[in-house]
Amino acid sequence: ELSESEKTVLRRKKISFVFQAFRLLHSLSAIDNVALGL
């Protein structure tokens, strides 16, 4: 029942993912990787 933009908002606010491959940005420090999530 949601538009694609509404799904994006739902995903951003309600859901987080953890992957096998970590998917961290290697150019950023640990604290900056987490701050990016915020």
PDB file of all heavy atoms in Angstrom:
ATOM      1  N   GLU A   1       0.819  -1.217   0.000  1.00  0.00           N
ATOM      2  CA  GLU A   1       0.000   0.000   0.000  1.00  0.00           C
ATOM      3  C   GLU A   1       0.853   1.267   0.000  1.00  0.00           C
ATOM      4  O   GLU A   1       0.326   2.369  -0.072  1.00  0.00           O
ATOM      5  CB  GLU A   1      -0.920  -0.001   1.225  1.00  0.00           C
ATOM      6  CG  GLU A   1      -1.882  -1.188   1.264  1.00  0.00           C
ATOM      7  CD  GLU A   1      -2.654  -1.271   2.575  1.00  0.00           C
ATOM      8  OE1 GLU A   1      -2.430  -0.397   3.440  1.00  0.00           O
ATOM      9  OE2 GLU A   1      -3.468  -2.203   2.726  1.00  0.00           O
ATOM     10  N   LEU A   2       2.174   1.110   0.089  1.00  0.00           N
ATOM     11  CA  LEU A   2       3.075   2.252   0.189  1.00  0.00           C
ATOM     12  C   LEU A   2       3.747   2.548  -1.143  1.00  0.00           C
ATOM     13  O   LEU A   2       4.020   1.636  -1.933  1.00  0.00           O
ATOM     14  CB  LEU A   2       4.158   1.984   1.240  1.00  0.00           C
ATOM     15  CG  LEU A   2       3.695   1.631   2.653  1.00  0.00           C
ATOM     16  CD1 LEU A   2       4.907   1.365   3.536  1.00  0.00           C
ATOM     17  CD2 LEU A   2       2.827   2.731   3.247  1.00  0.00           C
ATOM     18  N   SER A   3       4.066   3.818  -1.381  1.00  0.00           N
ATOM     19  CA  SER A   3       4.880   4.200  -2.520  1.00  0.00           C
ATOM     20  C   SER A   3       6.329   3.829  -2.238  1.00  0.00           C
ATOM     21  O   SER A   3       6.694   3.510  -1.095  1.00  0.00           O
ATOM     22  CB  SER A   3       4.769   5.704  -2.765  1.00  0.00           C
ATOM     23  OG  SER A   3       5.365   6.419  -1.688  1.00  0.00           O
ATOM     24  N   GLU A   4       7.186   3.881  -3.252  1.00  0.00           N
ATOM     25  CA  GLU A   4       8.599   3.555  -3.044  1.00  0.00           C
ATOM     26  C   GLU A   4       9.247   4.517  -2.052  1.00  0.00           C
ATOM     27  O   GLU A   4      10.068   4.111  -1.234  1.00  0.00           O
ATOM     28  CB  GLU A   4       9.353   3.569  -4.382  1.00  0.00           C
ATOM     29  CG  GLU A   4       9.042   2.390  -5.275  1.00  0.00           C
ATOM     30  CD  GLU A   4       9.297   1.051  -4.597  1.00  0.00           C
ATOM     31  OE1 GLU A   4      10.350   0.901  -3.937  1.00  0.00           O
ATOM     32  OE2 GLU A   4       8.438   0.159  -4.712  1.00  0.00           O
ATOM     33  N   SER A   5       8.878   5.793  -2.126  1.00  0.00           N
ATOM     34  CA  SER A   5       9.456   6.757  -1.185  1.00  0.00           C
ATOM     35  C   SER A   5       8.988   6.476   0.235  1.00  0.00           C
ATOM     36  O   SER A   5       9.747   6.620   1.203  1.00  0.00           O
ATOM     37  CB  SER A   5       9.100   8.192  -1.592  1.00  0.00           C
ATOM     38  OG  SER A   5       7.699   8.385  -1.597  1.00  0.00           O
ATOM     39  N   GLU A   6       7.727   6.053   0.395  1.00  0.00           N
ATOM     40  CA  GLU A   6       7.223   5.712   1.726  1.00  0.00           C
ATOM     41  C   GLU A   6       7.907   4.453   2.263  1.00  0.00           C
ATOM     42  O   GLU A   6       8.178   4.352   3.464  1.00  0.00           O
ATOM     43  CB  GLU A   6       5.711   5.508   1.666  1.00  0.00           C
ATOM     44  CG  GLU A   6       4.929   6.808   1.478  1.00  0.00           C
ATOM     45  CD  GLU A   6       3.452   6.576   1.230  1.00  0.00           C
ATOM     46  OE1 GLU A   6       3.090   5.533   0.624  1.00  0.00           O
ATOM     47  OE2 GLU A   6       2.647   7.442   1.628  1.00  0.00           O
ATOM     48  N   LYS A   7       8.206   3.504   1.382  1.00  0.00           N
ATOM     49  CA  LYS A   7       8.945   2.311   1.811  1.00  0.00           C
ATOM     50  C   LYS A   7      10.345   2.685   2.278  1.00  0.00           C
ATOM     51  O   LYS A   7      10.857   2.132   3.257  1.00  0.00           O
ATOM     52  CB  LYS A   7       9.045   1.300   0.662  1.00  0.00           C
ATOM     53  CG  LYS A   7       7.764   0.563   0.357  1.00  0.00           C
ATOM     54  CD  LYS A   7       8.005  -0.446  -0.768  1.00  0.00           C
ATOM     55  CE  LYS A   7       6.724  -1.106  -1.201  1.00  0.00           C
ATOM     56  NZ  LYS A   7       6.937  -2.067  -2.309  1.00  0.00           N
ATOM     57  N   THR A   8      10.964   3.622   1.578  1.00  0.00           N
ATOM     58  CA  THR A   8      12.305   4.068   1.970  1.00  0.00           C
ATOM     59  C   THR A   8      12.289   4.685   3.357  1.00  0.00           C
ATOM     60  O   THR A   8      13.161   4.408   4.190  1.00  0.00           O
ATOM     61  CB  THR A   8      12.843   5.082   0.945  1.00  0.00           C
ATOM     62  OG1 THR A   8      12.942   4.452  -0.331  1.00  0.00           O
ATOM     63  CG2 THR A   8      14.209   5.601   1.356  1.00  0.00           C
ATOM     64  N   VAL A   9      11.290   5.502   3.638  1.00  0.00           N
ATOM     65  CA  VAL A   9      11.164   6.130   4.958  1.00  0.00           C
ATOM     66  C   VAL A   9      10.917   5.065   6.023  1.00  0.00           C
ATOM     67  O   VAL A   9      11.520   5.092   7.100  1.00  0.00           O
ATOM     68  CB  VAL A   9      10.020   7.166   4.956  1.00  0.00           C
ATOM     69  CG1 VAL A   9       9.745   7.656   6.379  1.00  0.00           C
ATOM     70  CG2 VAL A   9      10.379   8.345   4.055  1.00  0.00           C
ATOM     71  N   LEU A  10      10.045   4.091   5.722  1.00  0.00           N
ATOM     72  CA  LEU A  10       9.763   3.011   6.670  1.00  0.00           C
ATOM     73  C   LEU A  10      11.022   2.216   6.988  1.00  0.00           C
ATOM     74  O   LEU A  10      11.320   1.928   8.149  1.00  0.00           O
ATOM     75  CB  LEU A  10       8.696   2.082   6.081  1.00  0.00           C
ATOM     76  CG  LEU A  10       8.270   0.894   6.945  1.00  0.00           C
ATOM     77  CD1 LEU A  10       7.534   1.376   8.187  1.00  0.00           C
ATOM     78  CD2 LEU A  10       7.403  -0.066   6.142  1.00  0.00           C
ATOM     79  N   ARG A  11      11.782   1.901   5.936  1.00  0.00           N
ATOM     80  CA  ARG A  11      13.022   1.142   6.119  1.00  0.00           C
ATOM     81  C   ARG A  11      14.031   1.938   6.944  1.00  0.00           C
ATOM     82  O   ARG A  11      14.681   1.387   7.840  1.00  0.00           O
ATOM     83  CB  ARG A  11      13.599   0.781   4.746  1.00  0.00           C
ATOM     84  CG  ARG A  11      14.816  -0.122   4.792  1.00  0.00           C
ATOM     85  CD  ARG A  11      15.158  -0.632   3.404  1.00  0.00           C
ATOM     86  NE  ARG A  11      15.413   0.421   2.462  1.00  0.00           N
ATOM     87  CZ  ARG A  11      14.698   0.657   1.370  1.00  0.00           C
ATOM     88  NH1 ARG A  11      13.669  -0.100   1.068  1.00  0.00           N
ATOM     89  NH2 ARG A  11      15.020   1.647   0.561  1.00  0.00           N
ATOM     90  N   ARG A  12      14.158   3.215   6.661  1.00  0.00           N
ATOM     91  CA  ARG A  12      15.149   4.036   7.355  1.00  0.00           C
ATOM     92  C   ARG A  12      14.820   4.190   8.840  1.00  0.00           C
ATOM     93  O   ARG A  12      15.704   4.178   9.687  1.00  0.00           O
ATOM     94  CB  ARG A  12      15.230   5.414   6.696  1.00  0.00           C
ATOM     95  CG  ARG A  12      16.342   6.288   7.256  1.00  0.00           C
ATOM     96  CD  ARG A  12      16.513   7.549   6.443  1.00  0.00           C
ATOM     97  NE  ARG A  12      15.364   8.423   6.558  1.00  0.00           N
ATOM     98  CZ  ARG A  12      14.700   8.951   5.519  1.00  0.00           C
ATOM     99  NH1 ARG A  12      15.077   8.668   4.288  1.00  0.00           N
ATOM    100  NH2 ARG A  12      13.669   9.732   5.720  1.00  0.00           N
ATOM    101  N   LYS A  13      13.538   4.299   9.164  1.00  0.00           N
ATOM    102  CA  LYS A  13      13.141   4.558  10.544  1.00  0.00           C
ATOM    103  C   LYS A  13      12.958   3.291  11.374  1.00  0.00           C
ATOM    104  O   LYS A  13      13.151   3.304  12.585  1.00  0.00           O
ATOM    105  CB  LYS A  13      11.838   5.365  10.560  1.00  0.00           C
ATOM    106  CG  LYS A  13      12.000   6.790  10.070  1.00  0.00           C
ATOM    107  CD  LYS A  13      10.721   7.582  10.229  1.00  0.00           C
ATOM    108  CE  LYS A  13      10.930   9.044   9.847  1.00  0.00           C
ATOM    109  NZ  LYS A  13       9.684   9.840  10.024  1.00  0.00           N
ATOM    110  N   LYS A  14      12.581   2.195  10.717  1.00  0.00           N
ATOM    111  CA  LYS A  14      12.163   1.023  11.477  1.00  0.00           C
ATOM    112  C   LYS A  14      13.120  -0.156  11.404  1.00  0.00           C
ATOM    113  O   LYS A  14      13.068  -1.052  12.257  1.00  0.00           O
ATOM    114  CB  LYS A  14      10.785   0.553  10.979  1.00  0.00           C
ATOM    115  CG  LYS A  14       9.683   1.590  11.066  1.00  0.00           C
ATOM    116  CD  LYS A  14       9.293   1.865  12.500  1.00  0.00           C
ATOM    117  CE  LYS A  14       8.097   2.813  12.574  1.00  0.00           C
ATOM    118  NZ  LYS A  14       7.688   3.079  13.965  1.00  0.00           N
ATOM    119  N   ILE A  15      13.982  -0.216  10.375  1.00  0.00           N
ATOM    120  CA  ILE A  15      14.741  -1.439  10.104  1.00  0.00           C
ATOM    121  C   ILE A  15      16.229  -1.138  10.002  1.00  0.00           C
ATOM    122  O   ILE A  15      16.635  -0.146   9.397  1.00  0.00           O
ATOM    123  CB  ILE A  15      14.275  -2.078   8.779  1.00  0.00           C
ATOM    124  CG1 ILE A  15      12.767  -2.350   8.816  1.00  0.00           C
ATOM    125  CG2 ILE A  15      15.020  -3.373   8.497  1.00  0.00           C
ATOM    126  CD1 ILE A  15      12.192  -2.740   7.459  1.00  0.00           C
ATOM    127  N   SER A  16      17.041  -2.030  10.570  1.00  0.00           N
ATOM    128  CA  SER A  16      18.486  -1.978  10.348  1.00  0.00           C
ATOM    129  C   SER A  16      18.972  -3.359   9.933  1.00  0.00           C
ATOM    130  O   SER A  16      18.337  -4.370  10.238  1.00  0.00           O
ATOM    131  CB  SER A  16      19.229  -1.526  11.606  1.00  0.00           C
ATOM    132  OG  SER A  16      19.340  -0.120  11.638  1.00  0.00           O
ATOM    133  N   PHE A  17      20.120  -3.378   9.245  1.00  0.00           N
ATOM    134  CA  PHE A  17      20.665  -4.610   8.693  1.00  0.00           C
ATOM    135  C   PHE A  17      22.086  -4.839   9.209  1.00  0.00           C
ATOM    136  O   PHE A  17      22.859  -3.897   9.362  1.00  0.00           O
ATOM    137  CB  PHE A  17      20.714  -4.540   7.166  1.00  0.00           C
ATOM    138  CG  PHE A  17      19.371  -4.367   6.517  1.00  0.00           C
ATOM    139  CD1 PHE A  17      18.837  -3.107   6.318  1.00  0.00           C
ATOM    140  CD2 PHE A  17      18.634  -5.462   6.101  1.00  0.00           C
ATOM    141  CE1 PHE A  17      17.597  -2.927   5.726  1.00  0.00           C
ATOM    142  CE2 PHE A  17      17.399  -5.307   5.502  1.00  0.00           C
ATOM    143  CZ  PHE A  17      16.873  -4.036   5.316  1.00  0.00           C
ATOM    144  N   VAL A  18      22.403  -6.112   9.429  1.00  0.00           N
ATOM    145  CA  VAL A  18      23.770  -6.532   9.725  1.00  0.00           C
ATOM    146  C   VAL A  18      24.114  -7.631   8.722  1.00  0.00           C
ATOM    147  O   VAL A  18      23.350  -8.581   8.562  1.00  0.00           O
ATOM    148  CB  VAL A  18      23.907  -7.084  11.165  1.00  0.00           C
ATOM    149  CG1 VAL A  18      25.335  -7.561  11.416  1.00  0.00           C
ATOM    150  CG2 VAL A  18      23.506  -6.023  12.187  1.00  0.00           C
ATOM    151  N   PHE A  19      25.264  -7.482   8.059  1.00  0.00           N
ATOM    152  CA  PHE A  19      25.630  -8.405   6.991  1.00  0.00           C
ATOM    153  C   PHE A  19      26.917  -9.156   7.335  1.00  0.00           C
ATOM    154  O   PHE A  19      27.726  -8.703   8.138  1.00  0.00           O
ATOM    155  CB  PHE A  19      25.847  -7.644   5.672  1.00  0.00           C
ATOM    156  CG  PHE A  19      24.639  -6.878   5.205  1.00  0.00           C
ATOM    157  CD1 PHE A  19      24.529  -5.516   5.451  1.00  0.00           C
ATOM    158  CD2 PHE A  19      23.626  -7.509   4.513  1.00  0.00           C
ATOM    159  CE1 PHE A  19      23.428  -4.798   5.024  1.00  0.00           C
ATOM    160  CE2 PHE A  19      22.521  -6.802   4.075  1.00  0.00           C
ATOM    161  CZ  PHE A  19      22.417  -5.441   4.331  1.00  0.00           C
ATOM    162  N   GLN A  20      27.109 -10.286   6.680  1.00  0.00           N
ATOM    163  CA  GLN A  20      28.330 -11.067   6.848  1.00  0.00           C
ATOM    164  C   GLN A  20      29.568 -10.251   6.478  1.00  0.00           C
ATOM    165  O   GLN A  20      30.605 -10.342   7.132  1.00  0.00           O
ATOM    166  CB  GLN A  20      28.264 -12.327   5.988  1.00  0.00           C
ATOM    167  CG  GLN A  20      29.545 -13.155   5.998  1.00  0.00           C
ATOM    168  CD  GLN A  20      29.454 -14.351   5.054  1.00  0.00           C
ATOM    169  OE1 GLN A  20      28.388 -14.662   4.531  1.00  0.00           O
ATOM    170  NE2 GLN A  20      30.572 -15.017   4.833  1.00  0.00           N
ATOM    171  N   ALA A  21      29.455  -9.444   5.420  1.00  0.00           N
ATOM    172  CA  ALA A  21      30.611  -8.724   4.885  1.00  0.00           C
ATOM    173  C   ALA A  21      30.852  -7.373   5.565  1.00  0.00           C
ATOM    174  O   ALA A  21      31.666  -6.578   5.092  1.00  0.00           O
ATOM    175  CB  ALA A  21      30.444  -8.519   3.381  1.00  0.00           C
ATOM    176  N   PHE A  22      30.135  -7.082   6.658  1.00  0.00           N
ATOM    177  CA  PHE A  22      30.310  -5.887   7.495  1.00  0.00           C
ATOM    178  C   PHE A  22      29.858  -4.602   6.790  1.00  0.00           C
ATOM    179  O   PHE A  22      29.183  -3.784   7.367  1.00  0.00           O
ATOM    180  CB  PHE A  22      31.750  -5.715   7.977  1.00  0.00           C
ATOM    181  CG  PHE A  22      32.406  -6.977   8.460  1.00  0.00           C
ATOM    182  CD1 PHE A  22      33.666  -7.336   8.008  1.00  0.00           C
ATOM    183  CD2 PHE A  22      31.769  -7.823   9.354  1.00  0.00           C
ATOM    184  CE1 PHE A  22      34.273  -8.505   8.440  1.00  0.00           C
ATOM    185  CE2 PHE A  22      32.368  -8.985   9.801  1.00  0.00           C
ATOM    186  CZ  PHE A  22      33.615  -9.331   9.339  1.00  0.00           C
ATOM    187  N   ARG A  23      30.317  -4.379   5.556  1.00  0.00           N
ATOM    188  CA  ARG A  23      29.936  -3.198   4.758  1.00  0.00           C
ATOM    189  C   ARG A  23      30.272  -1.886   5.455  1.00  0.00           C
ATOM    190  O   ARG A  23      29.496  -0.933   5.452  1.00  0.00           O
ATOM    191  CB  ARG A  23      28.452  -3.257   4.380  1.00  0.00           C
ATOM    192  CG  ARG A  23      28.111  -4.487   3.548  1.00  0.00           C
ATOM    193  CD  ARG A  23      26.763  -4.417   2.902  1.00  0.00           C
ATOM    194  NE  ARG A  23      26.473  -5.626   2.156  1.00  0.00           N
ATOM    195  CZ  ARG A  23      25.356  -5.859   1.477  1.00  0.00           C
ATOM    196  NH1 ARG A  23      24.419  -4.932   1.447  1.00  0.00           N
ATOM    197  NH2 ARG A  23      25.175  -6.981   0.821  1.00  0.00           N
ATOM    198  N   LEU A  24      31.456  -1.835   6.036  1.00  0.00           N
ATOM    199  CA  LEU A  24      31.950  -0.596   6.628  1.00  0.00           C
ATOM    200  C   LEU A  24      32.693   0.211   5.579  1.00  0.00           C
ATOM    201  O   LEU A  24      33.254  -0.345   4.630  1.00  0.00           O
ATOM    202  CB  LEU A  24      32.884  -0.913   7.800  1.00  0.00           C
ATOM    203  CG  LEU A  24      32.285  -1.717   8.958  1.00  0.00           C
ATOM    204  CD1 LEU A  24      33.362  -2.048   9.969  1.00  0.00           C
ATOM    205  CD2 LEU A  24      31.135  -0.971   9.613  1.00  0.00           C
ATOM    206  N   LEU A  25      32.723   1.521   5.770  1.00  0.00           N
ATOM    207  CA  LEU A  25      33.486   2.398   4.874  1.00  0.00           C
ATOM    208  C   LEU A  25      34.916   2.468   5.399  1.00  0.00           C
ATOM    209  O   LEU A  25      35.166   2.960   6.506  1.00  0.00           O
ATOM    210  CB  LEU A  25      32.864   3.787   4.826  1.00  0.00           C
ATOM    211  CG  LEU A  25      31.470   3.850   4.181  1.00  0.00           C
ATOM    212  CD1 LEU A  25      30.931   5.270   4.228  1.00  0.00           C
ATOM    213  CD2 LEU A  25      31.520   3.359   2.734  1.00  0.00           C
ATOM    214  N   HIS A  26      35.875   1.972   4.612  1.00  0.00           N
ATOM    215  CA  HIS A  26      37.249   1.859   5.079  1.00  0.00           C
ATOM    216  C   HIS A  26      37.951   3.206   5.178  1.00  0.00           C
ATOM    217  O   HIS A  26      38.991   3.311   5.828  1.00  0.00           O
ATOM    218  CB  HIS A  26      38.026   0.903   4.169  1.00  0.00           C
ATOM    219  CG  HIS A  26      37.592  -0.519   4.333  1.00  0.00           C
ATOM    220  ND1 HIS A  26      38.185  -1.378   5.220  1.00  0.00           N
ATOM    221  CD2 HIS A  26      36.582  -1.223   3.744  1.00  0.00           C
ATOM    222  CE1 HIS A  26      37.582  -2.554   5.169  1.00  0.00           C
ATOM    223  NE2 HIS A  26      36.609  -2.485   4.283  1.00  0.00           N
ATOM    224  N   SER A  27      37.375   4.227   4.563  1.00  0.00           N
ATOM    225  CA  SER A  27      37.975   5.561   4.661  1.00  0.00           C
ATOM    226  C   SER A  27      37.575   6.273   5.945  1.00  0.00           C
ATOM    227  O   SER A  27      38.106   7.345   6.261  1.00  0.00           O
ATOM    228  CB  SER A  27      37.559   6.409   3.461  1.00  0.00           C
ATOM    229  OG  SER A  27      36.147   6.546   3.407  1.00  0.00           O
ATOM    230  N   LEU A  28      36.648   5.673   6.707  1.00  0.00           N
ATOM    231  CA  LEU A  28      36.165   6.297   7.936  1.00  0.00           C
ATOM    232  C   LEU A  28      36.604   5.487   9.149  1.00  0.00           C
ATOM    233  O   LEU A  28      36.772   4.271   9.078  1.00  0.00           O
ATOM    234  CB  LEU A  28      34.630   6.379   7.927  1.00  0.00           C
ATOM    235  CG  LEU A  28      33.979   7.215   6.832  1.00  0.00           C
ATOM    236  CD1 LEU A  28      32.462   7.180   6.984  1.00  0.00           C
ATOM    237  CD2 LEU A  28      34.482   8.653   6.850  1.00  0.00           C
ATOM    238  N   SER A  29      36.754   6.174  10.270  1.00  0.00           N
ATOM    239  CA  SER A  29      37.058   5.498  11.532  1.00  0.00           C
ATOM    240  C   SER A  29      35.812   4.757  12.021  1.00  0.00           C
ATOM    241  O   SER A  29      34.702   4.933  11.499  1.00  0.00           O
ATOM    242  CB  SER A  29      37.482   6.519  12.576  1.00  0.00           C
ATOM    243  OG  SER A  29      36.397   7.388  12.876  1.00  0.00           O
ATOM    244  N   ALA A  30      36.001   3.946  13.062  1.00  0.00           N
ATOM    245  CA  ALA A  30      34.861   3.213  13.640  1.00  0.00           C
ATOM    246  C   ALA A  30      33.774   4.177  14.092  1.00  0.00           C
ATOM    247  O   ALA A  30      32.588   3.986  13.780  1.00  0.00           O
ATOM    248  CB  ALA A  30      35.348   2.365  14.820  1.00  0.00           C
ATOM    249  N   ILE A  31      34.154   5.227  14.803  1.00  0.00           N
ATOM    250  CA  ILE A  31      33.147   6.150  15.322  1.00  0.00           C
ATOM    251  C   ILE A  31      32.443   6.894  14.187  1.00  0.00           C
ATOM    252  O   ILE A  31      31.230   7.160  14.244  1.00  0.00           O
ATOM    253  CB  ILE A  31      33.756   7.126  16.349  1.00  0.00           C
ATOM    254  CG1 ILE A  31      32.644   7.832  17.131  1.00  0.00           C
ATOM    255  CG2 ILE A  31      34.711   8.116  15.693  1.00  0.00           C
ATOM    256  CD1 ILE A  31      33.155   8.599  18.339  1.00  0.00           C
ATOM    257  N   ASP A  32      33.165   7.207  13.113  1.00  0.00           N
ATOM    258  CA  ASP A  32      32.543   7.902  11.982  1.00  0.00           C
ATOM    259  C   ASP A  32      31.625   6.985  11.188  1.00  0.00           C
ATOM    260  O   ASP A  32      30.621   7.432  10.616  1.00  0.00           O
ATOM    261  CB  ASP A  32      33.613   8.503  11.074  1.00  0.00           C
ATOM    262  CG  ASP A  32      34.287   9.716  11.698  1.00  0.00           C
ATOM    263  OD1 ASP A  32      33.691  10.315  12.612  1.00  0.00           O
ATOM    264  OD2 ASP A  32      35.418  10.056  11.283  1.00  0.00           O
ATOM    265  N   ASN A  33      31.946   5.683  11.127  1.00  0.00           N
ATOM    266  CA  ASN A  33      31.037   4.732  10.488  1.00  0.00           C
ATOM    267  C   ASN A  33      29.702   4.690  11.229  1.00  0.00           C
ATOM    268  O   ASN A  33      28.633   4.661  10.609  1.00  0.00           O
ATOM    269  CB  ASN A  33      31.660   3.336  10.464  1.00  0.00           C
ATOM    270  CG  ASN A  33      32.383   3.034   9.164  1.00  0.00           C
ATOM    271  OD1 ASN A  33      31.773   2.752   8.140  1.00  0.00           O
ATOM    272  ND2 ASN A  33      33.709   3.102   9.204  1.00  0.00           N
ATOM    273  N   VAL A  34      29.768   4.685  12.554  1.00  0.00           N
ATOM    274  CA  VAL A  34      28.533   4.654  13.340  1.00  0.00           C
ATOM    275  C   VAL A  34      27.788   5.985  13.236  1.00  0.00           C
ATOM    276  O   VAL A  34      26.565   6.016  13.101  1.00  0.00           O
ATOM    277  CB  VAL A  34      28.844   4.315  14.809  1.00  0.00           C
ATOM    278  CG1 VAL A  34      27.564   4.327  15.642  1.00  0.00           C
ATOM    279  CG2 VAL A  34      29.509   2.944  14.897  1.00  0.00           C
ATOM    280  N   ALA A  35      28.524   7.087  13.259  1.00  0.00           N
ATOM    281  CA  ALA A  35      27.898   8.404  13.125  1.00  0.00           C
ATOM    282  C   ALA A  35      27.182   8.537  11.784  1.00  0.00           C
ATOM    283  O   ALA A  35      26.143   9.205  11.689  1.00  0.00           O
ATOM    284  CB  ALA A  35      28.948   9.504  13.279  1.00  0.00           C
ATOM    285  N   LEU A  36      27.716   7.870  10.762  1.00  0.00           N
ATOM    286  CA  LEU A  36      27.062   7.895   9.457  1.00  0.00           C
ATOM    287  C   LEU A  36      25.676   7.248   9.535  1.00  0.00           C
ATOM    288  O   LEU A  36      24.718   7.728   8.919  1.00  0.00           O
ATOM    289  CB  LEU A  36      27.921   7.183   8.420  1.00  0.00           C
ATOM    290  CG  LEU A  36      27.379   7.157   6.979  1.00  0.00           C
ATOM    291  CD1 LEU A  36      27.234   8.572   6.433  1.00  0.00           C
ATOM    292  CD2 LEU A  36      28.307   6.335   6.089  1.00  0.00           C
ATOM    293  N   GLY A  37      25.569   6.175  10.300  1.00  0.00           N
ATOM    294  CA  GLY A  37      24.267   5.553  10.494  1.00  0.00           C
ATOM    295  C   GLY A  37      23.277   6.499  11.143  1.00  0.00           C
ATOM    296  O   GLY A  37      22.091   6.516  10.813  1.00  0.00           O
ATOM    297  N   LEU A  38      23.766   7.303  12.064  1.00  0.00           N
ATOM    298  CA  LEU A  38      22.908   8.297  12.708  1.00  0.00           C
ATOM    299  C   LEU A  38      22.508   9.396  11.737  1.00  0.00           C
ATOM    300  O   LEU A  38      21.376   9.887  11.758  1.00  0.00           O
ATOM    301  CB  LEU A  38      23.632   8.897  13.915  1.00  0.00           C
ATOM    302  CG  LEU A  38      23.804   7.939  15.089  1.00  0.00           C
ATOM    303  CD1 LEU A  38      24.913   8.408  16.011  1.00  0.00           C
ATOM    304  CD2 LEU A  38      22.499   7.792  15.859  1.00  0.00           C
TER     305      LEU A  38
END
